[in-house]
Amino acid sequence: MKSVAVWMCVHTFLLLIDEGDVSRVGPSALSVSLVRHSPGAPHSSGPGAHSEWVDCIQASEMCNQNPNCSSRYRVMRQCLVGKEKDAMLDNNRECQAALEVLLGSPLYDCRCKRGMKKELQCLQNYWTIHMGLGDGKKQTK
């Protein structure tokens, strides 16, 4: 669990730092590499996919408009609460089913920009999905 927390902190920090450079010269090799090699990263990630990103606040709103996505998103948030979250994610079928549904939602591909309004909420939405992917687990859409 400690490695997941460290990976999340480093990844978030690097994404936030790197985001400032994207507007000047396009995505750096660092951000593309992090996206490609992060747990559950889609195979289509890269410079071309950057323009299709939705921020995680908008993605959450889109999910809330879909009853199936909305209910699974609530389940996923509950799966990540408390000391036993690792066991819940690994052994609870409802948590696994929620994650599978959310992998096909806009929440899976959403991103946050440094300094955006509601940045903390955006990052919380992002990590609700990506923390569920775990350390080193490969997920496919």
N, C-alpha and C. Protein backbone atom coordinates (compact mmCIF):
# COMPACT_ATOMS: atom_id res chain seq x y z
N MET A 1 0.83 -1.19 0.00
CA MET A 1 0.00 0.00 0.00
C MET A 1 0.87 1.24 0.00
N LYS A 2 1.99 1.17 0.71
CA LYS A 2 2.87 2.34 0.78
C LYS A 2 3.38 2.70 -0.61
N SER A 3 3.70 1.71 -1.44
CA SER A 3 4.20 2.00 -2.78
C SER A 3 3.12 2.65 -3.65
N VAL A 4 1.85 2.27 -3.44
CA VAL A 4 0.75 2.90 -4.18
C VAL A 4 0.64 4.36 -3.80
N ALA A 5 0.72 4.66 -2.51
CA ALA A 5 0.62 6.05 -2.05
C ALA A 5 1.77 6.88 -2.58
N VAL A 6 2.97 6.34 -2.55
CA VAL A 6 4.13 7.06 -3.07
C VAL A 6 3.98 7.28 -4.56
N TRP A 7 3.56 6.23 -5.29
CA TRP A 7 3.39 6.35 -6.73
C TRP A 7 2.35 7.42 -7.05
N MET A 8 1.24 7.44 -6.28
CA MET A 8 0.19 8.44 -6.53
C MET A 8 0.71 9.85 -6.31
N CYS A 9 1.44 10.05 -5.23
CA CYS A 9 1.96 11.39 -4.93
C CYS A 9 2.94 11.85 -6.01
N VAL A 10 3.85 10.98 -6.39
CA VAL A 10 4.84 11.33 -7.41
C VAL A 10 4.15 11.60 -8.74
N HIS A 11 3.23 10.73 -9.12
CA HIS A 11 2.53 10.86 -10.39
C HIS A 11 1.74 12.17 -10.44
N THR A 12 0.99 12.47 -9.36
CA THR A 12 0.22 13.71 -9.31
C THR A 12 1.13 14.91 -9.39
N PHE A 13 2.21 14.90 -8.63
CA PHE A 13 3.15 16.01 -8.63
C PHE A 13 3.73 16.23 -10.02
N LEU A 14 4.17 15.17 -10.66
CA LEU A 14 4.76 15.30 -11.99
C LEU A 14 3.74 15.75 -13.03
N LEU A 15 2.52 15.24 -12.93
CA LEU A 15 1.48 15.68 -13.87
C LEU A 15 1.17 17.15 -13.69
N LEU A 16 1.11 17.60 -12.45
CA LEU A 16 0.80 19.01 -12.20
C LEU A 16 1.93 19.91 -12.67
N ILE A 17 3.17 19.51 -12.43
CA ILE A 17 4.31 20.30 -12.90
C ILE A 17 4.37 20.30 -14.42
N ASP A 18 4.20 19.15 -15.00
CA ASP A 18 4.31 18.99 -16.45
C ASP A 18 3.19 19.70 -17.19
N GLU A 19 2.03 19.85 -16.57
CA GLU A 19 0.87 20.47 -17.23
C GLU A 19 1.18 21.89 -17.69
N GLY A 20 1.99 22.62 -16.95
CA GLY A 20 2.35 23.98 -17.34
C GLY A 20 3.11 24.03 -18.65
N ASP A 21 3.89 23.00 -18.94
CA ASP A 21 4.68 22.96 -20.17
C ASP A 21 3.85 22.55 -21.39
N VAL A 22 2.73 21.87 -21.17
CA VAL A 22 1.93 21.35 -22.28
C VAL A 22 1.42 22.47 -23.17
N SER A 23 1.02 23.59 -22.57
CA SER A 23 0.45 24.67 -23.38
C SER A 23 1.49 25.33 -24.27
N ARG A 24 2.76 25.22 -23.92
CA ARG A 24 3.80 25.86 -24.72
C ARG A 24 4.31 24.97 -25.84
N VAL A 25 4.56 23.71 -25.56
CA VAL A 25 5.23 22.87 -26.56
C VAL A 25 4.56 21.52 -26.77
N GLY A 26 3.39 21.30 -26.23
CA GLY A 26 2.75 20.00 -26.35
C GLY A 26 3.21 19.11 -25.21
N PRO A 27 2.66 17.92 -25.10
CA PRO A 27 3.00 17.06 -23.98
C PRO A 27 4.45 16.62 -24.05
N SER A 28 5.08 16.59 -22.90
CA SER A 28 6.47 16.17 -22.86
C SER A 28 6.56 14.65 -22.87
N ALA A 29 7.75 14.18 -23.07
CA ALA A 29 7.97 12.73 -23.03
C ALA A 29 7.65 12.19 -21.65
N LEU A 30 7.86 13.02 -20.60
CA LEU A 30 7.58 12.59 -19.24
C LEU A 30 6.10 12.31 -19.06
N SER A 31 5.23 13.24 -19.47
CA SER A 31 3.80 13.03 -19.27
C SER A 31 3.29 11.88 -20.12
N VAL A 32 3.77 11.76 -21.34
CA VAL A 32 3.35 10.66 -22.20
C VAL A 32 3.80 9.33 -21.61
N SER A 33 5.02 9.29 -21.10
CA SER A 33 5.54 8.08 -20.49
C SER A 33 4.74 7.71 -19.25
N LEU A 34 4.44 8.69 -18.40
CA LEU A 34 3.67 8.40 -17.19
C LEU A 34 2.29 7.88 -17.54
N VAL A 35 1.65 8.47 -18.52
CA VAL A 35 0.32 8.03 -18.91
C VAL A 35 0.38 6.63 -19.48
N ARG A 36 1.36 6.36 -20.33
CA ARG A 36 1.46 5.03 -20.96
C ARG A 36 1.80 3.94 -19.96
N HIS A 37 2.59 4.26 -18.94
CA HIS A 37 3.07 3.22 -18.04
C HIS A 37 2.35 3.20 -16.71
N SER A 38 1.35 4.05 -16.51
CA SER A 38 0.61 4.01 -15.26
C SER A 38 -0.32 2.82 -15.28
N PRO A 39 -0.68 2.31 -14.09
CA PRO A 39 -1.57 1.16 -14.04
C PRO A 39 -2.89 1.48 -14.73
N GLY A 40 -3.29 0.61 -15.63
CA GLY A 40 -4.57 0.77 -16.32
C GLY A 40 -4.56 1.77 -17.45
N ALA A 41 -3.40 2.20 -17.86
CA ALA A 41 -3.34 3.20 -18.93
C ALA A 41 -3.86 2.60 -20.23
N PRO A 42 -4.71 3.33 -20.95
CA PRO A 42 -5.20 2.80 -22.22
C PRO A 42 -4.09 2.79 -23.25
N HIS A 43 -4.19 1.90 -24.21
CA HIS A 43 -3.15 1.78 -25.23
C HIS A 43 -3.13 2.97 -26.18
N SER A 44 -4.21 3.74 -26.24
CA SER A 44 -4.27 4.86 -27.18
C SER A 44 -3.75 6.15 -26.59
N SER A 45 -3.18 6.13 -25.40
CA SER A 45 -2.66 7.35 -24.79
C SER A 45 -1.47 7.87 -25.57
N GLY A 46 -1.28 9.15 -25.51
CA GLY A 46 -0.16 9.76 -26.19
C GLY A 46 -0.52 11.16 -26.60
N PRO A 47 0.33 11.78 -27.38
CA PRO A 47 0.10 13.17 -27.77
C PRO A 47 -1.24 13.40 -28.46
N GLY A 48 -1.69 12.49 -29.27
CA GLY A 48 -2.95 12.67 -29.97
C GLY A 48 -4.15 12.59 -29.04
N ALA A 49 -4.03 11.83 -27.96
CA ALA A 49 -5.14 11.66 -27.04
C ALA A 49 -5.30 12.86 -26.12
N HIS A 50 -4.27 13.69 -25.97
CA HIS A 50 -4.30 14.81 -25.04
C HIS A 50 -5.44 15.77 -25.32
N SER A 51 -5.73 16.04 -26.58
CA SER A 51 -6.78 17.00 -26.91
C SER A 51 -8.16 16.46 -26.56
N GLU A 52 -8.31 15.17 -26.32
CA GLU A 52 -9.60 14.56 -26.01
C GLU A 52 -9.85 14.46 -24.52
N TRP A 53 -8.93 14.90 -23.70
CA TRP A 53 -9.11 14.79 -22.26
C TRP A 53 -10.26 15.65 -21.79
N VAL A 54 -10.96 15.17 -20.80
CA VAL A 54 -12.01 15.91 -20.12
C VAL A 54 -11.52 16.09 -18.69
N ASP A 55 -11.78 17.27 -18.10
CA ASP A 55 -11.34 17.39 -16.71
C ASP A 55 -12.26 16.55 -15.83
N CYS A 56 -11.75 16.13 -14.69
CA CYS A 56 -12.44 15.16 -13.85
C CYS A 56 -13.70 15.72 -13.20
N ILE A 57 -13.82 17.04 -13.11
CA ILE A 57 -15.06 17.64 -12.61
C ILE A 57 -16.16 17.42 -13.65
N GLN A 58 -15.86 17.72 -14.91
CA GLN A 58 -16.84 17.51 -15.98
C GLN A 58 -17.16 16.02 -16.13
N ALA A 59 -16.15 15.19 -16.03
CA ALA A 59 -16.36 13.74 -16.16
C ALA A 59 -17.28 13.23 -15.06
N SER A 60 -17.11 13.75 -13.85
CA SER A 60 -17.97 13.36 -12.74
C SER A 60 -19.41 13.80 -12.99
N GLU A 61 -19.59 15.01 -13.51
CA GLU A 61 -20.93 15.50 -13.84
C GLU A 61 -21.57 14.64 -14.93
N MET A 62 -20.77 14.26 -15.93
CA MET A 62 -21.27 13.39 -17.00
C MET A 62 -21.70 12.04 -16.43
N CYS A 63 -20.90 11.51 -15.54
CA CYS A 63 -21.20 10.22 -14.92
C CYS A 63 -22.48 10.31 -14.08
N ASN A 64 -22.64 11.41 -13.36
CA ASN A 64 -23.82 11.58 -12.51
C ASN A 64 -25.11 11.66 -13.31
N GLN A 65 -25.03 11.99 -14.59
CA GLN A 65 -26.22 12.05 -15.45
C GLN A 65 -26.63 10.67 -15.96
N ASN A 66 -25.75 9.69 -15.80
CA ASN A 66 -26.02 8.32 -16.24
C ASN A 66 -26.28 7.48 -14.99
N PRO A 67 -27.50 6.94 -14.81
CA PRO A 67 -27.82 6.20 -13.58
C PRO A 67 -26.87 5.03 -13.30
N ASN A 68 -26.47 4.29 -14.32
CA ASN A 68 -25.57 3.15 -14.12
C ASN A 68 -24.20 3.63 -13.66
N CYS A 69 -23.66 4.63 -14.33
CA CYS A 69 -22.34 5.17 -13.96
C CYS A 69 -22.39 5.80 -12.57
N SER A 70 -23.44 6.56 -12.31
CA SER A 70 -23.57 7.26 -11.03
C SER A 70 -23.60 6.28 -9.86
N SER A 71 -24.38 5.22 -9.99
CA SER A 71 -24.46 4.24 -8.90
C SER A 71 -23.13 3.52 -8.71
N ARG A 72 -22.45 3.19 -9.79
CA ARG A 72 -21.15 2.52 -9.69
C ARG A 72 -20.08 3.44 -9.10
N TYR A 73 -20.18 4.72 -9.41
CA TYR A 73 -19.23 5.70 -8.87
C TYR A 73 -19.40 5.80 -7.35
N ARG A 74 -20.64 5.80 -6.88
CA ARG A 74 -20.89 5.81 -5.43
C ARG A 74 -20.33 4.55 -4.78
N VAL A 75 -20.55 3.42 -5.42
CA VAL A 75 -20.01 2.15 -4.89
C VAL A 75 -18.49 2.22 -4.80
N MET A 76 -17.86 2.73 -5.85
CA MET A 76 -16.39 2.80 -5.88
C MET A 76 -15.85 3.69 -4.78
N ARG A 77 -16.51 4.82 -4.53
CA ARG A 77 -16.07 5.70 -3.44
C ARG A 77 -16.17 4.98 -2.10
N GLN A 78 -17.22 4.19 -1.91
CA GLN A 78 -17.36 3.44 -0.66
C GLN A 78 -16.29 2.35 -0.55
N CYS A 79 -15.91 1.77 -1.66
CA CYS A 79 -14.87 0.74 -1.65
C CYS A 79 -13.52 1.29 -1.20
N LEU A 80 -13.30 2.58 -1.42
CA LEU A 80 -12.00 3.19 -1.12
C LEU A 80 -11.95 3.84 0.25
N VAL A 81 -12.99 3.68 1.06
CA VAL A 81 -13.04 4.29 2.38
C VAL A 81 -12.58 3.28 3.43
N GLY A 82 -11.79 3.74 4.37
CA GLY A 82 -11.44 2.92 5.51
C GLY A 82 -10.15 2.15 5.37
N LYS A 83 -9.82 1.47 6.45
CA LYS A 83 -8.55 0.74 6.55
C LYS A 83 -8.50 -0.49 5.65
N GLU A 84 -9.63 -1.07 5.38
CA GLU A 84 -9.68 -2.33 4.63
C GLU A 84 -9.88 -2.13 3.13
N LYS A 85 -9.51 -0.96 2.61
CA LYS A 85 -9.79 -0.69 1.20
C LYS A 85 -9.07 -1.65 0.25
N ASP A 86 -7.87 -2.09 0.60
CA ASP A 86 -7.16 -3.03 -0.28
C ASP A 86 -7.92 -4.34 -0.38
N ALA A 87 -8.41 -4.84 0.76
CA ALA A 87 -9.17 -6.08 0.76
C ALA A 87 -10.48 -5.91 0.00
N MET A 88 -11.12 -4.76 0.18
CA MET A 88 -12.38 -4.50 -0.53
C MET A 88 -12.16 -4.51 -2.03
N LEU A 89 -11.13 -3.85 -2.48
CA LEU A 89 -10.88 -3.76 -3.92
C LEU A 89 -10.51 -5.11 -4.51
N ASP A 90 -9.76 -5.91 -3.76
CA ASP A 90 -9.29 -7.19 -4.29
C ASP A 90 -10.35 -8.29 -4.19
N ASN A 91 -11.15 -8.29 -3.12
CA ASN A 91 -12.01 -9.43 -2.84
C ASN A 91 -13.50 -9.16 -2.99
N ASN A 92 -13.91 -7.94 -3.12
CA ASN A 92 -15.33 -7.61 -3.18
C ASN A 92 -15.78 -7.51 -4.63
N ARG A 93 -16.69 -8.38 -5.01
CA ARG A 93 -17.14 -8.42 -6.41
C ARG A 93 -17.86 -7.13 -6.81
N GLU A 94 -18.58 -6.54 -5.87
CA GLU A 94 -19.29 -5.29 -6.18
C GLU A 94 -18.30 -4.17 -6.50
N CYS A 95 -17.19 -4.12 -5.75
CA CYS A 95 -16.15 -3.12 -6.02
C CYS A 95 -15.51 -3.36 -7.38
N GLN A 96 -15.23 -4.62 -7.68
CA GLN A 96 -14.62 -4.96 -8.96
C GLN A 96 -15.57 -4.65 -10.12
N ALA A 97 -16.85 -4.94 -9.94
CA ALA A 97 -17.83 -4.65 -10.99
C ALA A 97 -17.96 -3.14 -11.20
N ALA A 98 -17.94 -2.39 -10.11
CA ALA A 98 -18.02 -0.93 -10.22
C ALA A 98 -16.82 -0.39 -10.99
N LEU A 99 -15.64 -0.90 -10.69
CA LEU A 99 -14.44 -0.45 -11.38
C LEU A 99 -14.51 -0.77 -12.87
N GLU A 100 -15.00 -1.95 -13.21
CA GLU A 100 -15.12 -2.32 -14.62
C GLU A 100 -16.04 -1.38 -15.39
N VAL A 101 -17.16 -1.01 -14.78
CA VAL A 101 -18.08 -0.07 -15.43
C VAL A 101 -17.42 1.29 -15.59
N LEU A 102 -16.73 1.74 -14.55
CA LEU A 102 -16.12 3.07 -14.58
C LEU A 102 -14.95 3.16 -15.55
N LEU A 103 -14.32 2.04 -15.86
CA LEU A 103 -13.22 2.05 -16.84
C LEU A 103 -13.72 2.46 -18.23
N GLY A 104 -14.99 2.29 -18.49
CA GLY A 104 -15.57 2.69 -19.76
C GLY A 104 -16.22 4.07 -19.72
N SER A 105 -16.09 4.75 -18.59
CA SER A 105 -16.72 6.07 -18.43
C SER A 105 -15.71 7.18 -18.68
N PRO A 106 -16.19 8.42 -18.83
CA PRO A 106 -15.28 9.56 -18.99
C PRO A 106 -14.34 9.74 -17.80
N LEU A 107 -14.71 9.22 -16.64
CA LEU A 107 -13.86 9.36 -15.46
C LEU A 107 -12.51 8.67 -15.63
N TYR A 108 -12.47 7.62 -16.43
CA TYR A 108 -11.22 6.87 -16.59
C TYR A 108 -10.16 7.69 -17.32
N ASP A 109 -10.57 8.47 -18.31
CA ASP A 109 -9.62 9.24 -19.10
C ASP A 109 -9.51 10.71 -18.68
N CYS A 110 -10.15 11.07 -17.57
CA CYS A 110 -10.15 12.49 -17.18
C CYS A 110 -8.79 12.91 -16.62
N ARG A 111 -8.55 14.21 -16.64
CA ARG A 111 -7.30 14.80 -16.14
C ARG A 111 -7.62 16.07 -15.37
N CYS A 112 -6.66 16.54 -14.60
CA CYS A 112 -6.77 17.78 -13.84
C CYS A 112 -5.62 18.70 -14.24
N LYS A 113 -5.91 19.99 -14.26
CA LYS A 113 -4.87 20.97 -14.57
C LYS A 113 -4.47 21.70 -13.30
N ARG A 114 -3.19 21.98 -13.19
CA ARG A 114 -2.68 22.72 -12.04
C ARG A 114 -3.34 24.10 -12.01
N GLY A 115 -3.81 24.50 -10.84
CA GLY A 115 -4.38 25.82 -10.66
C GLY A 115 -5.82 25.97 -11.12
N MET A 116 -6.44 24.89 -11.59
CA MET A 116 -7.83 24.99 -12.04
C MET A 116 -8.75 25.18 -10.85
N LYS A 117 -9.94 25.71 -11.11
CA LYS A 117 -10.94 25.81 -10.05
C LYS A 117 -11.27 24.39 -9.61
N LYS A 118 -11.47 24.22 -8.33
CA LYS A 118 -11.83 22.92 -7.76
C LYS A 118 -10.76 21.86 -8.05
N GLU A 119 -9.50 22.27 -8.01
CA GLU A 119 -8.41 21.34 -8.30
C GLU A 119 -8.42 20.14 -7.36
N LEU A 120 -8.65 20.38 -6.06
CA LEU A 120 -8.66 19.28 -5.10
C LEU A 120 -9.78 18.29 -5.41
N GLN A 121 -10.97 18.80 -5.71
CA GLN A 121 -12.09 17.93 -6.06
C GLN A 121 -11.77 17.14 -7.33
N CYS A 122 -11.14 17.80 -8.28
CA CYS A 122 -10.76 17.14 -9.52
C CYS A 122 -9.82 15.97 -9.24
N LEU A 123 -8.81 16.21 -8.41
CA LEU A 123 -7.85 15.15 -8.07
C LEU A 123 -8.52 14.02 -7.29
N GLN A 124 -9.46 14.35 -6.43
CA GLN A 124 -10.19 13.31 -5.69
C GLN A 124 -10.98 12.43 -6.65
N ASN A 125 -11.63 13.06 -7.63
CA ASN A 125 -12.37 12.29 -8.64
C ASN A 125 -11.42 11.39 -9.43
N TYR A 126 -10.28 11.94 -9.81
CA TYR A 126 -9.28 11.17 -10.57
C TYR A 126 -8.84 9.94 -9.77
N TRP A 127 -8.48 10.14 -8.50
CA TRP A 127 -7.94 9.04 -7.71
C TRP A 127 -9.00 8.04 -7.27
N THR A 128 -10.28 8.42 -7.30
CA THR A 128 -11.34 7.45 -7.00
C THR A 128 -11.26 6.29 -7.99
N ILE A 129 -10.98 6.60 -9.23
CA ILE A 129 -10.86 5.55 -10.25
C ILE A 129 -9.47 4.93 -10.24
N HIS A 130 -8.44 5.75 -10.29
CA HIS A 130 -7.09 5.24 -10.49
C HIS A 130 -6.49 4.58 -9.26
N MET A 131 -6.94 4.94 -8.07
CA MET A 131 -6.48 4.24 -6.88
C MET A 131 -7.04 2.82 -6.87
N GLY A 132 -8.23 2.66 -7.44
CA GLY A 132 -8.83 1.34 -7.54
C GLY A 132 -8.09 0.41 -8.47
N LEU A 133 -7.29 0.97 -9.37
CA LEU A 133 -6.52 0.13 -10.30
C LEU A 133 -5.39 -0.57 -9.59
N GLY A 134 -4.95 -0.05 -8.47
CA GLY A 134 -3.92 -0.69 -7.67
C GLY A 134 -2.53 -0.56 -8.23
N ASP A 135 -1.59 -1.14 -7.53
CA ASP A 135 -0.18 -1.07 -7.87
C ASP A 135 0.19 -2.19 -8.82
N GLY A 136 0.43 -1.83 -10.08
CA GLY A 136 0.91 -2.81 -11.04
C GLY A 136 -0.17 -3.63 -11.71
N LYS A 137 -1.43 -3.39 -11.39
CA LYS A 137 -2.50 -4.14 -12.04
C LYS A 137 -2.77 -3.55 -13.40
N LYS A 138 -2.91 -4.38 -14.39
CA LYS A 138 -3.22 -3.93 -15.75
C LYS A 138 -4.72 -4.11 -15.97
N GLN A 139 -5.38 -3.03 -16.35
CA GLN A 139 -6.81 -3.08 -16.66
C GLN A 139 -6.96 -2.69 -18.12
N THR A 140 -7.93 -3.27 -18.77
CA THR A 140 -8.22 -2.89 -20.15
C THR A 140 -9.67 -2.48 -20.24
N LYS A 141 -9.94 -1.64 -21.22
CA LYS A 141 -11.31 -1.18 -21.42
C LYS A 141 -12.13 -2.24 -22.09
